[in-house]
Amino acid sequence: MNVELLAMIGAVLVASVVGSLHCAGMCGAFVAMAVGLDREASKARLIAAYNGGRLVTYTLIGVLAGWLGGAFDSGAELVGLQRGAAALAAATMIVIGTAAFLKALGVRLPRVRGPKAVQGAFVHVARVSVRFSPAKRAGAIGLATGLLPCGWLYAFALLAAGTAHPVAGGLVMAAFWMGTLPMLVSLGAGVRLIAGSVGRAAP
């Protein structure tokens, strides 16, 4: 593993920890679906299943993004450009950073929406998973989380593409997952605590 990749993984880990409050807002309802509907099931098992599902999906997204970045690099080299995937990822991150700055200043920007087919797939999984056993439901919702139209997730997927390598892309997205883990584990534990306090009204 080279120094450049280690530096990127470290930066991704720090950035995802700092930005994980966004993940709580984006995924909070789905964490509740995954771990809060069945008060009899093991809290630790449900939280592990949900976050394990997220790890699988995020890593696969990173592997695919890294592979696509490598293919983009190969095409770019044919027209005399070097490290095309890294340049594209860097340019995209500048755009995303500028958009975040403008939003902080109160400028209204159009929302980023994912493909309707992908959003529809997530809704379908969420509906069907209600019939699963608690652990399978939590795992299925975790797996489907990568289908959410999340600009934060897309930004890190573009960084994974910038590595131009499937393994490196998978490592980048695994680092993103690790940075979000403390927030979402805490959120899951809090949901179960609320579920135990308010009983049948929790769902």
Protein backbone atom coordinates (compact mmCIF):
# COMPACT_ATOMS: atom_id res chain seq x y z
CA MET A 1 0.00 0.00 0.00
CA ASN A 2 1.61 3.29 -1.09
CA VAL A 3 1.85 6.48 0.94
CA GLU A 4 -0.60 8.33 -1.30
CA LEU A 5 -3.31 5.72 -0.74
CA LEU A 6 -2.66 5.66 3.02
CA ALA A 7 -2.98 9.45 3.13
CA MET A 8 -6.27 9.29 1.19
CA ILE A 9 -7.68 6.60 3.49
CA GLY A 10 -6.70 8.66 6.55
CA ALA A 11 -8.33 11.77 5.09
CA VAL A 12 -11.50 9.85 4.22
CA LEU A 13 -11.69 8.41 7.72
CA VAL A 14 -11.37 11.84 9.36
CA ALA A 15 -13.82 13.49 6.94
CA SER A 16 -16.43 10.77 7.41
CA VAL A 17 -16.21 11.01 11.19
CA VAL A 18 -16.63 14.79 11.04
CA GLY A 19 -19.52 14.54 8.57
CA SER A 20 -21.26 11.58 10.19
CA LEU A 21 -23.97 13.83 11.65
CA HIS A 22 -25.26 14.01 8.08
CA CYS A 23 -25.43 10.20 8.05
CA ALA A 24 -27.55 10.25 11.22
CA GLY A 25 -30.04 12.55 9.52
CA MET A 26 -30.03 10.65 6.24
CA CYS A 27 -30.16 7.12 7.68
CA GLY A 28 -31.86 7.66 11.04
CA ALA A 29 -35.27 6.38 9.96
CA PHE A 30 -33.72 3.29 8.39
CA VAL A 31 -31.63 2.56 11.48
CA ALA A 32 -34.91 2.67 13.41
CA MET A 33 -36.47 0.19 10.95
CA ALA A 34 -33.44 -2.07 11.22
CA VAL A 35 -32.96 -2.23 14.99
CA GLY A 36 -35.99 -0.72 16.71
CA LEU A 37 -39.00 -2.71 15.56
CA ASP A 38 -38.32 -5.90 17.55
CA ARG A 39 -37.57 -5.34 21.22
CA GLU A 40 -36.98 -9.05 21.86
CA ALA A 41 -34.06 -9.48 19.44
CA SER A 42 -30.47 -8.88 20.54
CA LYS A 43 -29.57 -5.20 20.19
CA ALA A 44 -25.91 -5.95 19.43
CA ARG A 45 -26.84 -8.55 16.79
CA LEU A 46 -29.21 -6.18 14.97
CA ILE A 47 -26.75 -3.28 15.03
CA ALA A 48 -24.00 -5.60 13.75
CA ALA A 49 -26.24 -6.94 10.97
CA TYR A 50 -27.26 -3.46 9.83
CA ASN A 51 -23.73 -2.08 9.81
CA GLY A 52 -22.32 -5.28 8.33
CA GLY A 53 -24.75 -4.88 5.43
CA ARG A 54 -23.57 -1.30 4.95
CA LEU A 55 -19.93 -2.43 4.92
CA VAL A 56 -20.61 -4.97 2.18
CA THR A 57 -22.46 -2.47 -0.02
CA TYR A 58 -20.04 0.41 0.51
CA THR A 59 -17.03 -1.81 -0.22
CA LEU A 60 -18.66 -3.14 -3.39
CA ILE A 61 -19.40 0.44 -4.48
CA GLY A 62 -15.73 1.27 -3.91
CA VAL A 63 -14.54 -1.77 -5.87
CA LEU A 64 -16.84 -0.89 -8.78
CA ALA A 65 -15.85 2.79 -8.66
CA GLY A 66 -12.15 1.89 -8.61
CA TRP A 67 -12.61 -0.43 -11.58
CA LEU A 68 -14.50 2.25 -13.52
CA GLY A 69 -11.81 4.78 -12.64
CA GLY A 70 -9.17 2.41 -13.99
CA ALA A 71 -11.14 2.00 -17.20
CA PHE A 72 -11.46 5.80 -17.45
CA ASP A 73 -7.70 6.15 -16.97
CA SER A 74 -7.06 3.66 -19.76
CA GLY A 75 -9.31 5.65 -22.10
CA ALA A 76 -7.73 8.95 -21.05
CA GLU A 77 -4.22 7.64 -21.78
CA LEU A 78 -5.29 6.91 -25.35
CA VAL A 79 -5.84 10.64 -25.90
CA GLY A 80 -2.67 11.67 -24.06
CA LEU A 81 -4.07 12.37 -20.59
CA GLN A 82 -2.47 10.88 -17.47
CA ARG A 83 -4.35 10.06 -14.25
CA GLY A 84 -7.67 11.09 -15.77
CA ALA A 85 -9.72 9.45 -13.00
CA ALA A 86 -7.83 11.32 -10.27
CA ALA A 87 -8.29 14.62 -12.09
CA LEU A 88 -12.00 13.99 -12.54
CA ALA A 89 -12.40 13.04 -8.85
CA ALA A 90 -10.47 16.14 -7.75
CA ALA A 91 -12.57 18.42 -9.95
CA THR A 92 -15.77 16.86 -8.64
CA MET A 93 -14.64 17.29 -5.02
CA ILE A 94 -13.94 20.98 -5.69
CA VAL A 95 -17.47 21.36 -7.05
CA ILE A 96 -18.93 19.53 -4.03
CA GLY A 97 -16.86 21.64 -1.62
CA THR A 98 -17.96 24.85 -3.32
CA ALA A 99 -21.59 23.73 -3.15
CA ALA A 100 -21.23 22.97 0.58
CA PHE A 101 -19.71 26.44 1.15
CA LEU A 102 -22.52 28.15 -0.75
CA LYS A 103 -25.10 26.16 1.18
CA ALA A 104 -23.50 27.24 4.48
CA LEU A 105 -23.88 30.85 3.30
CA GLY A 106 -27.60 30.27 2.76
CA VAL A 107 -27.55 29.93 -1.02
CA ARG A 108 -30.30 27.59 -2.21
CA LEU A 109 -29.00 24.92 -4.56
CA PRO A 110 -30.86 22.17 -6.45
CA ARG A 111 -30.96 18.86 -4.61
CA VAL A 112 -28.94 15.92 -5.92
CA ARG A 113 -31.26 13.04 -6.73
CA GLY A 114 -30.25 9.52 -7.55
CA PRO A 115 -31.71 7.53 -10.44
CA LYS A 116 -35.39 6.73 -9.87
CA ALA A 117 -34.77 3.03 -10.50
CA VAL A 118 -32.20 2.94 -7.68
CA GLN A 119 -34.50 4.79 -5.27
CA GLY A 120 -37.33 2.44 -6.22
CA ALA A 121 -35.10 -0.56 -5.48
CA PHE A 122 -34.38 0.79 -1.99
CA VAL A 123 -38.08 1.35 -1.26
CA HIS A 124 -38.86 -2.18 -2.45
CA VAL A 125 -36.18 -3.72 -0.21
CA ALA A 126 -37.41 -1.69 2.78
CA ARG A 127 -40.99 -2.86 2.24
CA VAL A 128 -40.14 -6.52 1.68
CA SER A 129 -37.70 -6.65 4.62
CA VAL A 130 -40.50 -6.00 7.13
CA ARG A 131 -41.49 -9.66 6.62
CA PHE A 132 -37.97 -10.95 7.41
CA SER A 133 -36.65 -12.13 10.76
CA PRO A 134 -35.15 -9.24 12.79
CA ALA A 135 -31.49 -9.96 11.94
CA LYS A 136 -32.20 -10.56 8.23
CA ARG A 137 -34.30 -7.39 8.09
CA ALA A 138 -31.47 -5.35 9.66
CA GLY A 139 -28.93 -6.83 7.25
CA ALA A 140 -31.15 -6.24 4.21
CA ILE A 141 -31.74 -2.60 5.14
CA GLY A 142 -28.00 -2.15 5.69
CA LEU A 143 -27.25 -3.66 2.28
CA ALA A 144 -29.83 -1.38 0.65
CA THR A 145 -28.44 1.78 2.29
CA GLY A 146 -26.00 2.21 -0.59
CA LEU A 147 -29.00 2.78 -2.88
CA LEU A 148 -29.98 5.99 -1.07
CA PRO A 149 -29.58 9.23 -3.10
CA CYS A 150 -26.81 10.59 -0.86
CA GLY A 151 -24.43 13.25 -2.18
CA TRP A 152 -22.04 12.54 0.72
CA LEU A 153 -21.79 8.88 -0.32
CA TYR A 154 -21.39 9.83 -4.00
CA ALA A 155 -18.52 12.17 -3.12
CA PHE A 156 -16.53 9.37 -1.49
CA ALA A 157 -17.39 6.99 -4.33
CA LEU A 158 -15.80 9.53 -6.69
CA LEU A 159 -12.68 9.54 -4.52
CA ALA A 160 -12.67 5.74 -4.77
CA ALA A 161 -12.89 6.09 -8.56
CA GLY A 162 -9.89 8.42 -8.41
CA THR A 163 -7.73 5.55 -7.13
CA ALA A 164 -8.27 3.83 -10.51
CA HIS A 165 -7.97 0.42 -8.79
CA PRO A 166 -10.72 -1.90 -7.47
CA VAL A 167 -8.90 -2.89 -4.26
CA ALA A 168 -7.88 0.68 -3.44
CA GLY A 169 -11.42 1.87 -4.19
CA GLY A 170 -12.84 -0.76 -1.85
CA LEU A 171 -10.43 0.33 0.91
CA VAL A 172 -11.46 3.98 0.50
CA MET A 173 -15.14 3.13 0.89
CA ALA A 174 -14.41 0.79 3.82
CA ALA A 175 -12.67 3.76 5.50
CA PHE A 176 -15.76 5.88 4.82
CA TRP A 177 -17.89 3.18 6.48
CA MET A 178 -15.58 3.05 9.49
CA GLY A 179 -15.83 6.80 9.99
CA THR A 180 -19.63 6.66 10.04
CA LEU A 181 -19.71 3.67 12.38
CA PRO A 182 -19.52 5.43 15.80
CA MET A 183 -22.44 7.72 14.96
CA LEU A 184 -24.70 5.03 13.52
CA VAL A 185 -23.92 2.48 16.26
CA SER A 186 -24.77 5.15 18.86
CA LEU A 187 -27.94 5.98 16.95
CA GLY A 188 -28.96 2.33 16.84
CA ALA A 189 -28.36 1.93 20.57
CA GLY A 190 -30.41 5.07 21.22
CA VAL A 191 -33.28 3.79 19.08
CA ARG A 192 -33.38 0.55 21.07
CA LEU A 193 -33.34 2.49 24.34
CA ILE A 194 -36.33 4.55 23.17
CA ALA A 195 -38.08 1.40 21.94
CA GLY A 196 -37.69 -0.14 25.39
CA SER A 197 -39.08 2.98 27.06
CA VAL A 198 -42.15 3.62 24.94
CA GLY A 199 -43.03 0.01 24.21
CA ARG A 200 -45.45 -0.78 21.43
CA ALA A 201 -45.61 2.86 20.29
CA ALA A 202 -41.96 2.74 19.13
CA PRO A 203 -42.59 1.49 15.55
